[in-house]
Amino acid sequence: PHCNLQVFTYTCDVGKRENVYLTAERVRKEVGEVSVLVNNAGVVSGHHLLECPDELIERTMMVNCHAHFWTTKAFLPTMLEINHGHIVTVASSLGLFSTAGVEDYCASKFGVVGFHESLSHELKAAEKDGIKTTLVCPYLVDTGMFRGCRIRKEIEPFLPPLKPDYCVQQAMRAILTDQPMICTPRLTYIVTFMKSILPFEA
């Protein structure tokens, strides 16, 4: 069937707090209130810790983690007023378990997973059951963002890079069914569980 859809786009550096708040105000004035907020911006420096400029570390933390605070603070108040909305946090499997050489990225994603979990508990404690939350944790996605990143050879056959379309489909299914969390592929659920019982050296 034919759908008369309108799409509005805005350019915003989500790593800069004031930019987020100003853009959010424009969206409210020009489009209306936001009922589904998807926090999806992400960057990676691609350097080992001692080779990574401080500015890139700060940039990674601002875009990958701090931006979630600013966008949520911008749009959550109206959701709370009407007890309706959905906040989607796109994190990463590297927010659940880490690997070498991407310390800034892992730290930012671990941080945003903690943010999401705490926010979910806060909404539950406030009895705002009309506001749903979904945490999306995809494995390595074949977007070029991690070009040159090597997967451990013993697990590469079981966990090849994921296609973007597949990740979007999995995330959309989770959002539309109000699923609290989705890890893609499902094998990463096992990795996360094993991390809690295996020795650190594993």
Protein backbone atom coordinates (compact mmCIF):
# COMPACT_ATOMS: atom_id res chain seq x y z
CA PRO A 1 0.00 0.00 0.00
CA HIS A 2 1.03 3.58 -0.67
CA CYS A 3 2.27 5.44 2.39
CA ASN A 4 2.55 9.21 2.46
CA LEU A 5 5.67 9.40 4.60
CA GLN A 6 7.74 12.43 5.48
CA VAL A 7 11.40 12.17 6.45
CA PHE A 8 13.22 14.93 8.30
CA THR A 9 17.00 14.96 8.63
CA TYR A 10 19.22 17.02 10.90
CA THR A 11 22.99 17.30 11.19
CA CYS A 12 24.21 17.27 14.78
CA ASP A 13 27.54 16.59 16.49
CA VAL A 14 26.16 14.44 19.30
CA GLY A 15 29.47 14.63 21.12
CA LYS A 16 28.73 18.29 21.90
CA ARG A 17 26.06 18.71 24.55
CA GLU A 18 24.75 22.11 23.45
CA ASN A 19 24.47 20.93 19.84
CA VAL A 20 22.26 18.06 20.98
CA TYR A 21 19.98 20.30 23.04
CA LEU A 22 19.65 22.90 20.26
CA THR A 23 18.90 20.25 17.63
CA ALA A 24 16.37 18.57 19.92
CA GLU A 25 14.57 21.88 20.30
CA ARG A 26 14.48 22.30 16.51
CA VAL A 27 13.05 18.81 16.11
CA ARG A 28 10.30 19.53 18.62
CA LYS A 29 9.36 22.81 16.90
CA GLU A 30 9.55 21.57 13.31
CA VAL A 31 8.43 17.94 13.62
CA GLY A 32 6.95 17.31 17.05
CA GLU A 33 7.77 15.18 20.05
CA VAL A 34 9.97 12.11 19.65
CA SER A 35 8.40 8.83 20.78
CA VAL A 36 11.21 6.47 19.74
CA LEU A 37 14.79 7.53 20.46
CA VAL A 38 17.55 5.43 18.89
CA ASN A 39 21.03 6.28 20.17
CA ASN A 40 23.25 4.84 17.47
CA ALA A 41 26.20 7.20 16.83
CA GLY A 42 29.61 5.60 17.23
CA VAL A 43 33.28 6.16 16.45
CA VAL A 44 36.47 4.21 17.00
CA SER A 45 40.02 5.59 17.10
CA GLY A 46 41.74 2.48 15.78
CA HIS A 47 44.86 2.93 17.94
CA HIS A 48 46.45 0.99 20.77
CA LEU A 49 46.31 2.83 24.08
CA LEU A 50 49.79 4.40 24.13
CA GLU A 51 49.56 5.32 20.44
CA CYS A 52 46.14 6.97 20.75
CA PRO A 53 46.07 10.78 21.03
CA ASP A 54 44.20 12.01 24.10
CA GLU A 55 41.84 13.99 21.86
CA LEU A 56 40.68 10.82 20.09
CA ILE A 57 40.07 9.05 23.40
CA GLU A 58 37.95 11.98 24.56
CA ARG A 59 36.10 12.03 21.24
CA THR A 60 35.28 8.33 21.49
CA MET A 61 33.90 8.74 25.01
CA MET A 62 31.84 11.82 24.07
CA VAL A 63 30.23 10.31 20.98
CA ASN A 64 29.84 6.70 22.13
CA CYS A 65 28.84 7.32 25.74
CA HIS A 66 28.21 10.92 26.81
CA ALA A 67 25.88 11.55 23.84
CA HIS A 68 23.43 9.00 25.25
CA PHE A 69 23.05 11.16 28.35
CA TRP A 70 22.39 14.33 26.33
CA THR A 71 19.90 12.85 23.85
CA THR A 72 18.00 11.03 26.58
CA LYS A 73 17.85 14.14 28.78
CA ALA A 74 16.55 16.07 25.77
CA PHE A 75 13.65 13.74 24.93
CA LEU A 76 12.84 11.77 28.10
CA PRO A 77 10.87 14.52 29.95
CA THR A 78 7.94 14.38 27.51
CA MET A 79 7.98 10.58 27.55
CA LEU A 80 7.71 10.73 31.35
CA GLU A 81 4.81 13.19 31.18
CA ILE A 82 2.71 10.94 28.95
CA ASN A 83 4.19 7.62 30.11
CA HIS A 84 4.89 6.59 26.54
CA GLY A 85 8.02 6.11 24.45
CA HIS A 86 10.88 3.81 23.61
CA ILE A 87 14.59 4.37 24.19
CA VAL A 88 16.95 2.21 22.15
CA THR A 89 20.62 2.01 23.09
CA VAL A 90 22.87 0.66 20.35
CA ALA A 91 25.92 -0.56 22.22
CA SER A 92 28.15 -3.46 21.13
CA SER A 93 29.21 -6.93 22.15
CA LEU A 94 32.38 -5.09 23.21
CA GLY A 95 30.27 -3.48 25.91
CA LEU A 96 29.78 -6.96 27.38
CA PHE A 97 33.24 -8.47 26.85
CA SER A 98 36.44 -6.83 25.65
CA THR A 99 39.35 -7.44 23.33
CA ALA A 100 42.83 -5.98 22.91
CA GLY A 101 43.69 -2.76 21.13
CA VAL A 102 40.37 -0.91 21.43
CA GLU A 103 40.50 0.27 25.03
CA ASP A 104 38.67 3.54 24.38
CA TYR A 105 35.91 1.86 22.38
CA CYS A 106 35.38 -0.92 24.95
CA ALA A 107 35.33 1.59 27.82
CA SER A 108 32.74 3.73 26.03
CA LYS A 109 30.50 0.75 25.26
CA PHE A 110 30.80 -0.73 28.76
CA GLY A 111 29.81 2.73 30.01
CA VAL A 112 26.75 2.98 27.79
CA VAL A 113 25.59 -0.52 28.77
CA GLY A 114 25.75 0.59 32.40
CA PHE A 115 23.88 3.78 31.53
CA HIS A 116 21.14 1.82 29.79
CA GLU A 117 20.72 -0.70 32.60
CA SER A 118 20.54 2.04 35.24
CA LEU A 119 18.04 4.05 33.18
CA SER A 120 15.85 0.96 32.75
CA HIS A 121 15.86 0.38 36.52
CA GLU A 122 15.04 4.05 37.12
CA LEU A 123 12.01 3.91 34.81
CA LYS A 124 10.82 0.71 36.45
CA ALA A 125 11.19 2.21 39.94
CA ALA A 126 9.16 5.22 38.78
CA GLU A 127 6.46 2.83 37.50
CA LYS A 128 6.72 4.25 33.99
CA ASP A 129 5.77 1.00 32.31
CA GLY A 130 4.71 2.81 29.14
CA ILE A 131 8.32 3.71 28.37
CA LYS A 132 10.15 0.74 26.89
CA THR A 133 13.91 0.26 26.62
CA THR A 134 15.91 -1.98 24.30
CA LEU A 135 19.65 -2.63 24.49
CA VAL A 136 21.18 -3.65 21.15
CA CYS A 137 24.57 -5.40 21.29
CA PRO A 138 25.77 -6.46 17.83
CA TYR A 139 29.03 -8.25 17.21
CA LEU A 140 31.55 -6.90 14.67
CA VAL A 141 29.55 -5.33 11.83
CA ASP A 142 31.01 -5.18 8.33
CA THR A 143 30.76 -1.40 7.85
CA GLY A 144 34.45 -0.53 7.44
CA MET A 145 34.54 1.00 10.90
CA PHE A 146 36.74 -1.85 12.13
CA ARG A 147 38.70 -2.36 8.94
CA GLY A 148 41.94 -4.15 9.80
CA CYS A 149 40.65 -5.44 13.12
CA ARG A 150 41.64 -9.07 13.53
CA ILE A 151 39.29 -11.57 15.14
CA ARG A 152 40.91 -14.31 17.21
CA LYS A 153 41.61 -17.08 14.71
CA GLU A 154 40.06 -19.82 16.86
CA ILE A 155 36.66 -18.09 16.88
CA GLU A 156 36.63 -16.42 13.45
CA PRO A 157 34.92 -19.40 11.74
CA PHE A 158 32.09 -19.25 14.28
CA LEU A 159 31.76 -15.46 14.50
CA PRO A 160 32.41 -13.82 11.12
CA PRO A 161 31.62 -10.10 10.69
CA LEU A 162 27.89 -9.39 10.40
CA LYS A 163 26.09 -7.75 7.49
CA PRO A 164 24.52 -4.37 8.39
CA ASP A 165 21.08 -5.32 6.99
CA TYR A 166 20.94 -8.41 9.19
CA CYS A 167 21.78 -6.36 12.30
CA VAL A 168 19.08 -3.82 11.45
CA GLN A 169 16.48 -6.56 10.98
CA GLN A 170 17.36 -8.14 14.33
CA ALA A 171 17.29 -4.78 16.11
CA MET A 172 13.95 -3.78 14.55
CA ARG A 173 12.37 -7.08 15.55
CA ALA A 174 13.54 -6.54 19.14
CA ILE A 175 12.23 -2.96 19.20
CA LEU A 176 8.82 -3.82 17.73
CA THR A 177 8.34 -6.66 20.24
CA ASP A 178 9.56 -4.59 23.23
CA GLN A 179 12.47 -6.96 23.80
CA PRO A 180 14.71 -5.59 26.60
CA MET A 181 17.96 -6.78 25.00
CA ILE A 182 19.19 -8.29 21.76
CA CYS A 183 22.66 -9.73 21.13
CA THR A 184 23.56 -10.49 17.53
CA PRO A 185 24.39 -13.23 16.74
CA ARG A 186 22.85 -15.25 19.55
CA LEU A 187 26.14 -17.06 20.06
CA THR A 188 27.42 -13.95 21.85
CA TYR A 189 24.99 -14.67 24.69
CA ILE A 190 27.08 -17.77 25.38
CA VAL A 191 30.34 -15.79 25.26
CA THR A 192 28.93 -13.31 27.78
CA PHE A 193 27.83 -16.14 30.08
CA MET A 194 31.18 -17.95 29.80
CA LYS A 195 33.01 -14.75 30.73
CA SER A 196 31.33 -14.85 34.14
CA ILE A 197 32.53 -18.37 34.95
CA LEU A 198 35.88 -18.79 33.16
CA PRO A 199 39.23 -17.59 34.57
CA PHE A 200 40.23 -14.05 33.55
CA GLU A 201 43.10 -15.39 31.40
CA ALA A 202 40.64 -17.24 29.16
